[in-house]
Amino acid sequence: MVLGQGESGPTVVPDPQRRLPGRGAWLHADPTCLDLAVRRRAFGRALRSGAGPDTAAVADWVRARAQEDNRHEIENRKRV
C-alpha cells in the first residue's frame, strides 16, 4: 500500500507489484486484517500521514483478492 494524493486528501492505494514511489505499508489481502488496520488507524501511522487517509481503493482490492482466493479454493476442492 502506498500513500497518494486523491481529490479529497491523502489516499492509500494498493501496489501489489511494489513499484510505486513513496512510503509503503504491508497488509495481508484479508478483509479482517484491513478492518483491524482501519480501526487502529494503522495506515496514518505507517505512512506518516497526519490525517486519516482514504482506504476505499485498498478495500476494493482486498475484497477482490478475497473473492478470487475463495474461487480458487472452491475449484481446488472440486478437483479432489
Protein backbone atom coordinates (compact mmCIF):
# COMPACT_ATOMS: atom_id res chain seq x y z
CA MET A 1 0.00 0.00 0.00
CA VAL A 2 1.28 3.42 -0.89
CA LEU A 3 0.08 6.84 0.16
CA GLY A 4 -1.04 9.02 -2.73
CA GLN A 5 -2.93 12.26 -3.07
CA GLY A 6 -6.58 11.98 -4.09
CA GLU A 7 -9.24 14.61 -4.69
CA SER A 8 -10.33 14.59 -1.05
CA GLY A 9 -6.88 14.35 0.53
CA PRO A 10 -4.45 11.53 1.31
CA THR A 11 -5.41 8.19 -0.25
CA VAL A 12 -3.97 4.72 0.28
CA VAL A 13 -3.63 2.79 -2.98
CA PRO A 14 -2.70 -0.86 -3.50
CA ASP A 15 0.71 -1.58 -5.01
CA PRO A 16 0.89 -5.38 -5.40
CA GLN A 17 3.99 -5.21 -7.63
CA ARG A 18 5.74 -2.89 -5.12
CA ARG A 19 6.83 -0.48 -7.83
CA LEU A 20 5.20 2.84 -6.91
CA PRO A 21 7.43 5.50 -5.37
CA GLY A 22 6.86 6.73 -1.86
CA ARG A 23 6.37 5.33 1.58
CA GLY A 24 4.65 1.96 1.74
CA ALA A 25 2.93 -0.31 4.22
CA TRP A 26 2.25 -4.06 4.27
CA LEU A 27 -1.20 -5.57 4.60
CA HIS A 28 -2.48 -9.13 4.24
CA ALA A 29 -5.08 -9.46 1.48
CA ASP A 30 -7.64 -10.40 4.12
CA PRO A 31 -10.75 -8.32 4.95
CA THR A 32 -10.31 -8.92 8.70
CA CYS A 33 -6.75 -7.52 8.57
CA LEU A 34 -8.00 -4.48 6.66
CA ASP A 35 -10.81 -3.88 9.16
CA LEU A 36 -8.37 -4.12 12.05
CA ALA A 37 -5.90 -1.73 10.39
CA VAL A 38 -8.65 0.82 9.73
CA ARG A 39 -9.99 0.56 13.30
CA ARG A 40 -6.50 1.04 14.75
CA ARG A 41 -5.75 3.88 12.30
CA ALA A 42 -2.60 1.99 11.32
CA PHE A 43 -2.35 3.45 7.81
CA GLY A 44 -1.96 7.00 9.09
CA ARG A 45 0.86 5.96 11.42
CA ALA A 46 2.62 3.61 9.00
CA LEU A 47 2.51 6.09 6.13
CA ARG A 48 3.25 9.08 8.37
CA SER A 49 0.11 10.90 7.37
CA GLY A 50 -1.34 13.36 9.84
CA ALA A 51 -4.92 12.88 8.64
CA GLY A 52 -6.63 9.53 8.32
CA PRO A 53 -6.16 8.56 4.65
CA ASP A 54 -8.96 7.28 2.42
CA THR A 55 -8.74 3.48 2.18
CA ALA A 56 -11.55 2.80 -0.33
CA ALA A 57 -9.18 1.68 -3.12
CA VAL A 58 -7.42 -0.73 -0.79
CA ALA A 59 -10.74 -2.09 0.49
CA ASP A 60 -11.87 -2.78 -3.09
CA TRP A 61 -8.57 -4.53 -3.86
CA VAL A 62 -8.71 -6.67 -0.69
CA ARG A 63 -12.31 -7.73 -1.39
CA ALA A 64 -11.45 -8.65 -4.98
CA ARG A 65 -8.45 -10.70 -3.83
CA ALA A 66 -10.53 -12.46 -1.16
CA GLN A 67 -13.19 -13.38 -3.74
CA GLU A 68 -10.51 -14.64 -6.12
CA ASP A 69 -8.90 -16.73 -3.38
CA ASN A 70 -12.27 -18.21 -2.42
CA ARG A 71 -13.00 -19.09 -6.06
CA HIS A 72 -9.63 -20.87 -6.39
CA GLU A 73 -10.22 -22.73 -3.14
CA ILE A 74 -13.60 -23.97 -4.38
CA GLU A 75 -12.13 -25.04 -7.72
CA ASN A 76 -9.37 -26.97 -5.95
CA ARG A 77 -11.91 -28.80 -3.78
CA LYS A 78 -13.78 -29.92 -6.88
CA ARG A 79 -10.62 -31.46 -8.34
CA VAL A 80 -10.00 -33.79 -5.42
